[in-house]
PDB file of all heavy atoms in Angstrom:
ATOM      1  N   TYR A   1       0.802  -1.207   0.016  1.00  0.00           N
ATOM      2  CA  TYR A   1       0.017   0.024   0.014  1.00  0.00           C
ATOM      3  C   TYR A   1       0.853   1.259  -0.002  1.00  0.00           C
ATOM      4  O   TYR A   1       0.607   2.222  -0.732  1.00  0.00           O
ATOM      5  CB  TYR A   1      -0.944  -0.024   1.208  1.00  0.00           C
ATOM      6  CG  TYR A   1      -1.812  -1.174   1.257  1.00  0.00           C
ATOM      7  CD1 TYR A   1      -1.622  -2.211   2.233  1.00  0.00           C
ATOM      8  CD2 TYR A   1      -2.832  -1.383   0.367  1.00  0.00           C
ATOM      9  CE1 TYR A   1      -2.421  -3.319   2.202  1.00  0.00           C
ATOM     10  CE2 TYR A   1      -3.671  -2.482   0.330  1.00  0.00           C
ATOM     11  CZ  TYR A   1      -3.423  -3.509   1.317  1.00  0.00           C
ATOM     12  OH  TYR A   1      -4.241  -4.592   1.303  1.00  0.00           O
ATOM     13  N   LYS A   2       1.875   1.266   0.816  1.00  0.00           N
ATOM     14  CA  LYS A   2       2.731   2.379   0.939  1.00  0.00           C
ATOM     15  C   LYS A   2       3.425   2.747  -0.396  1.00  0.00           C
ATOM     16  O   LYS A   2       3.323   3.911  -0.887  1.00  0.00           O
ATOM     17  CB  LYS A   2       3.849   2.077   1.966  1.00  0.00           C
ATOM     18  CG  LYS A   2       4.899   3.146   2.147  1.00  0.00           C
ATOM     19  CD  LYS A   2       5.975   2.643   3.194  1.00  0.00           C
ATOM     20  CE  LYS A   2       6.977   3.624   3.496  1.00  0.00           C
ATOM     21  NZ  LYS A   2       7.894   3.192   4.501  1.00  0.00           N
ATOM     22  N   GLU A   3       4.012   1.798  -1.067  1.00  0.00           N
ATOM     23  CA  GLU A   3       4.715   2.017  -2.297  1.00  0.00           C
ATOM     24  C   GLU A   3       3.718   2.422  -3.433  1.00  0.00           C
ATOM     25  O   GLU A   3       3.976   3.359  -4.182  1.00  0.00           O
ATOM     26  CB  GLU A   3       5.566   0.898  -2.672  1.00  0.00           C
ATOM     27  CG  GLU A   3       6.476   1.228  -3.857  1.00  0.00           C
ATOM     28  CD  GLU A   3       7.476   0.180  -4.221  1.00  0.00           C
ATOM     29  OE1 GLU A   3       7.562  -0.896  -3.474  1.00  0.00           O
ATOM     30  OE2 GLU A   3       8.212   0.326  -5.179  1.00  0.00           O
ATOM     31  N   VAL A   4       2.598   1.733  -3.501  1.00  0.00           N
ATOM     32  CA  VAL A   4       1.674   1.990  -4.589  1.00  0.00           C
ATOM     33  C   VAL A   4       1.150   3.479  -4.386  1.00  0.00           C
ATOM     34  O   VAL A   4       1.086   4.240  -5.367  1.00  0.00           O
ATOM     35  CB  VAL A   4       0.502   1.069  -4.517  1.00  0.00           C
ATOM     36  CG1 VAL A   4      -0.630   1.471  -5.458  1.00  0.00           C
ATOM     37  CG2 VAL A   4       0.906  -0.383  -5.009  1.00  0.00           C
ATOM     38  N   PHE A   5       0.812   3.883  -3.203  1.00  0.00           N
ATOM     39  CA  PHE A   5       0.373   5.244  -2.910  1.00  0.00           C
ATOM     40  C   PHE A   5       1.438   6.250  -3.315  1.00  0.00           C
ATOM     41  O   PHE A   5       1.167   7.245  -3.953  1.00  0.00           O
ATOM     42  CB  PHE A   5      -0.071   5.447  -1.463  1.00  0.00           C
ATOM     43  CG  PHE A   5      -0.689   6.759  -1.186  1.00  0.00           C
ATOM     44  CD1 PHE A   5      -2.032   6.886  -1.378  1.00  0.00           C
ATOM     45  CD2 PHE A   5       0.064   7.796  -0.721  1.00  0.00           C
ATOM     46  CE1 PHE A   5      -2.637   8.178  -1.174  1.00  0.00           C
ATOM     47  CE2 PHE A   5      -0.523   9.037  -0.502  1.00  0.00           C
ATOM     48  CZ  PHE A   5      -1.885   9.221  -0.714  1.00  0.00           C
ATOM     49  N   GLN A   6       2.650   5.998  -2.935  1.00  0.00           N
ATOM     50  CA  GLN A   6       3.742   6.963  -3.225  1.00  0.00           C
ATOM     51  C   GLN A   6       3.988   7.031  -4.733  1.00  0.00           C
ATOM     52  O   GLN A   6       4.214   8.099  -5.276  1.00  0.00           O
ATOM     53  CB  GLN A   6       5.004   6.550  -2.493  1.00  0.00           C
ATOM     54  CG  GLN A   6       4.965   6.840  -1.098  1.00  0.00           C
ATOM     55  CD  GLN A   6       6.248   6.304  -0.332  1.00  0.00           C
ATOM     56  OE1 GLN A   6       6.923   5.417  -0.770  1.00  0.00           O
ATOM     57  NE2 GLN A   6       6.518   6.959   0.821  1.00  0.00           N
ATOM     58  N   LEU A   7       3.972   5.913  -5.406  1.00  0.00           N
ATOM     59  CA  LEU A   7       4.213   5.917  -6.867  1.00  0.00           C
ATOM     60  C   LEU A   7       3.056   6.647  -7.582  1.00  0.00           C
ATOM     61  O   LEU A   7       3.296   7.404  -8.531  1.00  0.00           O
ATOM     62  CB  LEU A   7       4.288   4.445  -7.410  1.00  0.00           C
ATOM     63  CG  LEU A   7       5.505   3.676  -7.050  1.00  0.00           C
ATOM     64  CD1 LEU A   7       5.282   2.193  -7.471  1.00  0.00           C
ATOM     65  CD2 LEU A   7       6.682   4.307  -7.712  1.00  0.00           C
ATOM     66  N   ARG A   8       1.842   6.568  -7.061  1.00  0.00           N
ATOM     67  CA  ARG A   8       0.675   7.239  -7.752  1.00  0.00           C
ATOM     68  C   ARG A   8       0.766   8.697  -7.449  1.00  0.00           C
ATOM     69  O   ARG A   8       0.596   9.505  -8.336  1.00  0.00           O
ATOM     70  CB  ARG A   8      -0.625   6.563  -7.217  1.00  0.00           C
ATOM     71  CG  ARG A   8      -1.824   7.244  -7.867  1.00  0.00           C
ATOM     72  CD  ARG A   8      -2.016   6.997  -9.279  1.00  0.00           C
ATOM     73  NE  ARG A   8      -3.158   7.586  -9.816  1.00  0.00           N
ATOM     74  CZ  ARG A   8      -3.446   7.779 -11.104  1.00  0.00           C
ATOM     75  NH1 ARG A   8      -2.625   7.348 -11.944  1.00  0.00           N
ATOM     76  NH2 ARG A   8      -4.475   8.381 -11.466  1.00  0.00           N
ATOM     77  N   ILE A   9       0.887   9.065  -6.230  1.00  0.00           N
ATOM     78  CA  ILE A   9       0.819  10.488  -5.755  1.00  0.00           C
ATOM     79  C   ILE A   9       2.140  11.230  -6.021  1.00  0.00           C
ATOM     80  O   ILE A   9       2.139  12.247  -6.753  1.00  0.00           O
ATOM     81  CB  ILE A   9       0.478  10.611  -4.281  1.00  0.00           C
ATOM     82  CG1 ILE A   9      -0.908  10.002  -4.006  1.00  0.00           C
ATOM     83  CG2 ILE A   9       0.447  12.131  -3.817  1.00  0.00           C
ATOM     84  CD1 ILE A   9      -2.037  10.620  -4.784  1.00  0.00           C
ATOM     85  N   PHE A  10       3.220  10.743  -5.554  1.00  0.00           N
ATOM     86  CA  PHE A  10       4.485  11.465  -5.667  1.00  0.00           C
ATOM     87  C   PHE A  10       5.163  11.180  -7.049  1.00  0.00           C
ATOM     88  O   PHE A  10       5.766  12.085  -7.611  1.00  0.00           O
ATOM     89  CB  PHE A  10       5.395  11.117  -4.492  1.00  0.00           C
ATOM     90  CG  PHE A  10       4.851  11.434  -3.194  1.00  0.00           C
ATOM     91  CD1 PHE A  10       4.831  10.443  -2.231  1.00  0.00           C
ATOM     92  CD2 PHE A  10       4.320  12.692  -2.897  1.00  0.00           C
ATOM     93  CE1 PHE A  10       4.231  10.770  -0.956  1.00  0.00           C
ATOM     94  CE2 PHE A  10       3.755  12.976  -1.645  1.00  0.00           C
ATOM     95  CZ  PHE A  10       3.672  11.951  -0.673  1.00  0.00           C
ATOM     96  N   GLY A  11       5.038   9.926  -7.451  1.00  0.00           N
ATOM     97  CA  GLY A  11       5.668   9.643  -8.730  1.00  0.00           C
ATOM     98  C   GLY A  11       4.791   9.923  -9.917  1.00  0.00           C
ATOM     99  O   GLY A  11       5.272   9.869 -11.068  1.00  0.00           O
ATOM    100  N   GLU A  12       3.545  10.226  -9.679  1.00  0.00           N
ATOM    101  CA  GLU A  12       2.503  10.530 -10.694  1.00  0.00           C
ATOM    102  C   GLU A  12       2.503   9.458 -11.836  1.00  0.00           C
ATOM    103  O   GLU A  12       2.379   9.752 -12.975  1.00  0.00           O
ATOM    104  CB  GLU A  12       2.824  11.932 -11.281  1.00  0.00           C
ATOM    105  CG  GLU A  12       2.634  12.999 -10.286  1.00  0.00           C
ATOM    106  CD  GLU A  12       2.901  14.366 -10.875  1.00  0.00           C
ATOM    107  OE1 GLU A  12       3.394  14.517 -12.030  1.00  0.00           O
ATOM    108  OE2 GLU A  12       2.462  15.347 -10.218  1.00  0.00           O
ATOM    109  N   LEU A  13       2.639   8.192 -11.428  1.00  0.00           N
ATOM    110  CA  LEU A  13       2.574   7.082 -12.392  1.00  0.00           C
ATOM    111  C   LEU A  13       1.153   6.669 -12.671  1.00  0.00           C
ATOM    112  O   LEU A  13       0.293   6.753 -11.791  1.00  0.00           O
ATOM    113  CB  LEU A  13       3.415   5.885 -11.918  1.00  0.00           C
ATOM    114  CG  LEU A  13       4.877   6.033 -11.766  1.00  0.00           C
ATOM    115  CD1 LEU A  13       5.531   4.828 -11.266  1.00  0.00           C
ATOM    116  CD2 LEU A  13       5.509   6.544 -13.114  1.00  0.00           C
ATOM    117  N   SER A  14       0.926   6.130 -13.831  1.00  0.00           N
ATOM    118  CA  SER A  14      -0.355   5.639 -14.171  1.00  0.00           C
ATOM    119  C   SER A  14      -0.617   4.264 -13.444  1.00  0.00           C
ATOM    120  O   SER A  14       0.429   3.570 -13.063  1.00  0.00           O
ATOM    121  CB  SER A  14      -0.507   5.457 -15.673  1.00  0.00           C
ATOM    122  OG  SER A  14       0.321   4.404 -16.100  1.00  0.00           O
ATOM    123  N   PHE A  15      -1.839   3.809 -13.363  1.00  0.00           N
ATOM    124  CA  PHE A  15      -2.096   2.530 -12.765  1.00  0.00           C
ATOM    125  C   PHE A  15      -1.449   1.377 -13.559  1.00  0.00           C
ATOM    126  O   PHE A  15      -1.067   0.375 -13.009  1.00  0.00           O
ATOM    127  CB  PHE A  15      -3.569   2.324 -12.510  1.00  0.00           C
ATOM    128  CG  PHE A  15      -4.150   3.203 -11.428  1.00  0.00           C
ATOM    129  CD1 PHE A  15      -5.135   4.142 -11.745  1.00  0.00           C
ATOM    130  CD2 PHE A  15      -3.774   3.079 -10.135  1.00  0.00           C
ATOM    131  CE1 PHE A  15      -5.606   4.954 -10.778  1.00  0.00           C
ATOM    132  CE2 PHE A  15      -4.294   3.848  -9.146  1.00  0.00           C
ATOM    133  CZ  PHE A  15      -5.208   4.813  -9.480  1.00  0.00           C
ATOM    134  N   ILE A  16      -1.483   1.565 -14.852  1.00  0.00           N
ATOM    135  CA  ILE A  16      -0.841   0.583 -15.724  1.00  0.00           C
ATOM    136  C   ILE A  16       0.604   0.429 -15.400  1.00  0.00           C
ATOM    137  O   ILE A  16       1.149  -0.691 -15.229  1.00  0.00           O
ATOM    138  CB  ILE A  16      -1.015   0.917 -17.205  1.00  0.00           C
ATOM    139  CG1 ILE A  16      -2.517   0.829 -17.612  1.00  0.00           C
ATOM    140  CG2 ILE A  16      -0.148   0.035 -18.111  1.00  0.00           C
ATOM    141  CD1 ILE A  16      -2.817   1.460 -18.996  1.00  0.00           C
ATOM    142  N   ASN A  17       1.338   1.550 -15.270  1.00  0.00           N
ATOM    143  CA  ASN A  17       2.732   1.472 -14.959  1.00  0.00           C
ATOM    144  C   ASN A  17       2.993   0.913 -13.572  1.00  0.00           C
ATOM    145  O   ASN A  17       3.909   0.188 -13.296  1.00  0.00           O
ATOM    146  CB  ASN A  17       3.399   2.896 -15.054  1.00  0.00           C
ATOM    147  CG  ASN A  17       3.488   3.352 -16.544  1.00  0.00           C
ATOM    148  OD1 ASN A  17       3.455   2.527 -17.426  1.00  0.00           O
ATOM    149  ND2 ASN A  17       3.567   4.646 -16.625  1.00  0.00           N
ATOM    150  N   ILE A  18       2.140   1.292 -12.598  1.00  0.00           N
ATOM    151  CA  ILE A  18       2.326   0.732 -11.262  1.00  0.00           C
ATOM    152  C   ILE A  18       2.101  -0.768 -11.283  1.00  0.00           C
ATOM    153  O   ILE A  18       2.850  -1.560 -10.698  1.00  0.00           O
ATOM    154  CB  ILE A  18       1.358   1.435 -10.296  1.00  0.00           C
ATOM    155  CG1 ILE A  18       1.692   2.903 -10.102  1.00  0.00           C
ATOM    156  CG2 ILE A  18       1.333   0.714  -8.900  1.00  0.00           C
ATOM    157  CD1 ILE A  18       0.687   3.743  -9.365  1.00  0.00           C
ATOM    158  N   GLY A  19       1.127  -1.193 -11.961  1.00  0.00           N
ATOM    159  CA  GLY A  19       0.853  -2.641 -12.110  1.00  0.00           C
ATOM    160  C   GLY A  19       1.988  -3.309 -12.754  1.00  0.00           C
ATOM    161  O   GLY A  19       2.447  -4.457 -12.242  1.00  0.00           O
ATOM    162  N   ASN A  20       2.627  -2.751 -13.747  1.00  0.00           N
ATOM    163  CA  ASN A  20       3.772  -3.327 -14.417  1.00  0.00           C
ATOM    164  C   ASN A  20       4.957  -3.441 -13.458  1.00  0.00           C
ATOM    165  O   ASN A  20       5.733  -4.446 -13.493  1.00  0.00           O
ATOM    166  CB  ASN A  20       4.166  -2.485 -15.697  1.00  0.00           C
ATOM    167  CG  ASN A  20       3.190  -2.695 -16.818  1.00  0.00           C
ATOM    168  OD1 ASN A  20       2.496  -3.684 -16.859  1.00  0.00           O
ATOM    169  ND2 ASN A  20       3.150  -1.717 -17.662  1.00  0.00           N
ATOM    170  N   ILE A  21       5.189  -2.462 -12.651  1.00  0.00           N
ATOM    171  CA  ILE A  21       6.271  -2.443 -11.683  1.00  0.00           C
ATOM    172  C   ILE A  21       6.208  -3.643 -10.748  1.00  0.00           C
ATOM    173  O   ILE A  21       7.109  -4.292 -10.423  1.00  0.00           O
ATOM    174  CB  ILE A  21       6.338  -1.116 -10.909  1.00  0.00           C
ATOM    175  CG1 ILE A  21       6.805  -0.022 -11.787  1.00  0.00           C
ATOM    176  CG2 ILE A  21       7.227  -1.261  -9.636  1.00  0.00           C
ATOM    177  CD1 ILE A  21       6.763   1.357 -11.207  1.00  0.00           C
ATOM    178  N   PHE A  22       4.988  -3.896 -10.328  1.00  0.00           N
ATOM    179  CA  PHE A  22       4.761  -5.016  -9.381  1.00  0.00           C
ATOM    180  C   PHE A  22       4.464  -6.357 -10.087  1.00  0.00           C
ATOM    181  O   PHE A  22       4.360  -7.409  -9.438  1.00  0.00           O
ATOM    182  CB  PHE A  22       3.560  -4.719  -8.502  1.00  0.00           C
ATOM    183  CG  PHE A  22       3.824  -3.742  -7.403  1.00  0.00           C
ATOM    184  CD1 PHE A  22       3.702  -2.329  -7.639  1.00  0.00           C
ATOM    185  CD2 PHE A  22       4.339  -4.147  -6.139  1.00  0.00           C
ATOM    186  CE1 PHE A  22       3.990  -1.491  -6.589  1.00  0.00           C
ATOM    187  CE2 PHE A  22       4.614  -3.270  -5.130  1.00  0.00           C
ATOM    188  CZ  PHE A  22       4.456  -1.932  -5.315  1.00  0.00           C
ATOM    189  N   GLY A  23       4.426  -6.316 -11.384  1.00  0.00           N
ATOM    190  CA  GLY A  23       4.118  -7.566 -12.184  1.00  0.00           C
ATOM    191  C   GLY A  23       2.663  -8.012 -11.983  1.00  0.00           C
ATOM    192  O   GLY A  23       2.358  -9.144 -12.036  1.00  0.00           O
ATOM    193  N   LYS A  24       1.806  -6.995 -11.781  1.00  0.00           N
ATOM    194  CA  LYS A  24       0.359  -7.220 -11.543  1.00  0.00           C
ATOM    195  C   LYS A  24      -0.421  -6.514 -12.657  1.00  0.00           C
ATOM    196  O   LYS A  24       0.147  -5.824 -13.497  1.00  0.00           O
ATOM    197  CB  LYS A  24      -0.055  -6.725 -10.214  1.00  0.00           C
ATOM    198  CG  LYS A  24       0.788  -7.259  -8.983  1.00  0.00           C
ATOM    199  CD  LYS A  24       0.254  -8.582  -8.598  1.00  0.00           C
ATOM    200  CE  LYS A  24       1.108  -9.006  -7.322  1.00  0.00           C
ATOM    201  NZ  LYS A  24       0.661 -10.196  -6.810  1.00  0.00           N
ATOM    202  N   THR A  25      -1.751  -6.514 -12.441  1.00  0.00           N
ATOM    203  CA  THR A  25      -2.604  -5.897 -13.428  1.00  0.00           C
ATOM    204  C   THR A  25      -2.869  -4.427 -13.052  1.00  0.00           C
ATOM    205  O   THR A  25      -2.660  -3.993 -11.928  1.00  0.00           O
ATOM    206  CB  THR A  25      -3.963  -6.622 -13.546  1.00  0.00           C
ATOM    207  OG1 THR A  25      -4.660  -6.477 -12.312  1.00  0.00           O
ATOM    208  CG2 THR A  25      -3.795  -8.056 -13.926  1.00  0.00           C
ATOM    209  N   GLU A  26      -3.445  -3.665 -14.018  1.00  0.00           N
ATOM    210  CA  GLU A  26      -3.838  -2.312 -13.743  1.00  0.00           C
ATOM    211  C   GLU A  26      -4.937  -2.279 -12.701  1.00  0.00           C
ATOM    212  O   GLU A  26      -4.917  -1.423 -11.836  1.00  0.00           O
ATOM    213  CB  GLU A  26      -4.399  -1.703 -15.077  1.00  0.00           C
ATOM    214  CG  GLU A  26      -4.955  -0.361 -14.890  1.00  0.00           C
ATOM    215  CD  GLU A  26      -5.610   0.261 -16.089  1.00  0.00           C
ATOM    216  OE1 GLU A  26      -5.571  -0.419 -17.180  1.00  0.00           O
ATOM    217  OE2 GLU A  26      -6.137   1.361 -16.015  1.00  0.00           O
ATOM    218  N   ASN A  27      -5.844  -3.181 -12.783  1.00  0.00           N
ATOM    219  CA  ASN A  27      -6.892  -3.296 -11.745  1.00  0.00           C
ATOM    220  C   ASN A  27      -6.333  -3.549 -10.351  1.00  0.00           C
ATOM    221  O   ASN A  27      -6.849  -2.937  -9.435  1.00  0.00           O
ATOM    222  CB  ASN A  27      -7.925  -4.374 -12.176  1.00  0.00           C
ATOM    223  CG  ASN A  27      -9.116  -4.262 -11.285  1.00  0.00           C
ATOM    224  OD1 ASN A  27      -9.696  -3.226 -11.144  1.00  0.00           O
ATOM    225  ND2 ASN A  27      -9.650  -5.436 -10.834  1.00  0.00           N
ATOM    226  N   TRP A  28      -5.373  -4.396 -10.252  1.00  0.00           N
ATOM    227  CA  TRP A  28      -4.711  -4.638  -8.932  1.00  0.00           C
ATOM    228  C   TRP A  28      -4.215  -3.308  -8.334  1.00  0.00           C
ATOM    229  O   TRP A  28      -4.324  -3.000  -7.249  1.00  0.00           O
ATOM    230  CB  TRP A  28      -3.615  -5.684  -9.032  1.00  0.00           C
ATOM    231  CG  TRP A  28      -2.835  -5.857  -7.770  1.00  0.00           C
ATOM    232  CD1 TRP A  28      -3.124  -6.710  -6.761  1.00  0.00           C
ATOM    233  CD2 TRP A  28      -1.684  -5.123  -7.350  1.00  0.00           C
ATOM    234  NE1 TRP A  28      -2.220  -6.590  -5.784  1.00  0.00           N
ATOM    235  CE2 TRP A  28      -1.277  -5.602  -6.094  1.00  0.00           C
ATOM    236  CE3 TRP A  28      -0.873  -4.130  -7.949  1.00  0.00           C
ATOM    237  CZ2 TRP A  28      -0.169  -5.104  -5.378  1.00  0.00           C
ATOM    238  CZ3 TRP A  28       0.237  -3.666  -7.216  1.00  0.00           C
ATOM    239  CH2 TRP A  28       0.549  -4.154  -5.974  1.00  0.00           C
ATOM    240  N   ALA A  29      -3.518  -2.516  -9.254  1.00  0.00           N
ATOM    241  CA  ALA A  29      -2.965  -1.221  -8.817  1.00  0.00           C
ATOM    242  C   ALA A  29      -4.045  -0.295  -8.359  1.00  0.00           C
ATOM    243  O   ALA A  29      -3.858   0.389  -7.361  1.00  0.00           O
ATOM    244  CB  ALA A  29      -2.092  -0.617  -9.996  1.00  0.00           C
ATOM    245  N   ARG A  30      -5.165  -0.253  -9.065  1.00  0.00           N
ATOM    246  CA  ARG A  30      -6.250   0.610  -8.694  1.00  0.00           C
ATOM    247  C   ARG A  30      -6.814   0.278  -7.334  1.00  0.00           C
ATOM    248  O   ARG A  30      -7.050   1.125  -6.518  1.00  0.00           O
ATOM    249  CB  ARG A  30      -7.351   0.580  -9.734  1.00  0.00           C
ATOM    250  CG  ARG A  30      -7.013   1.266 -11.014  1.00  0.00           C
ATOM    251  CD  ARG A  30      -8.181   1.149 -11.987  1.00  0.00           C
ATOM    252  NE  ARG A  30      -7.862   1.726 -13.317  1.00  0.00           N
ATOM    253  CZ  ARG A  30      -7.909   3.014 -13.573  1.00  0.00           C
ATOM    254  NH1 ARG A  30      -8.247   3.888 -12.698  1.00  0.00           N
ATOM    255  NH2 ARG A  30      -7.553   3.464 -14.735  1.00  0.00           N
ATOM    256  N   VAL A  31      -7.014  -1.038  -7.179  1.00  0.00           N
ATOM    257  CA  VAL A  31      -7.635  -1.549  -5.904  1.00  0.00           C
ATOM    258  C   VAL A  31      -6.641  -1.281  -4.718  1.00  0.00           C
ATOM    259  O   VAL A  31      -7.064  -0.822  -3.669  1.00  0.00           O
ATOM    260  CB  VAL A  31      -7.934  -3.018  -6.008  1.00  0.00           C
ATOM    261  CG1 VAL A  31      -8.325  -3.670  -4.683  1.00  0.00           C
ATOM    262  CG2 VAL A  31      -9.118  -3.253  -7.013  1.00  0.00           C
TER     263      VAL A  31
END
């Protein structure tokens, strides 16, 4: 949760990119 929030807010990454970083789906990143 911590890293996903930081990537989204501070890193301004899209959910697709966040999902890719974690090897997960865009939906996983959104949830």
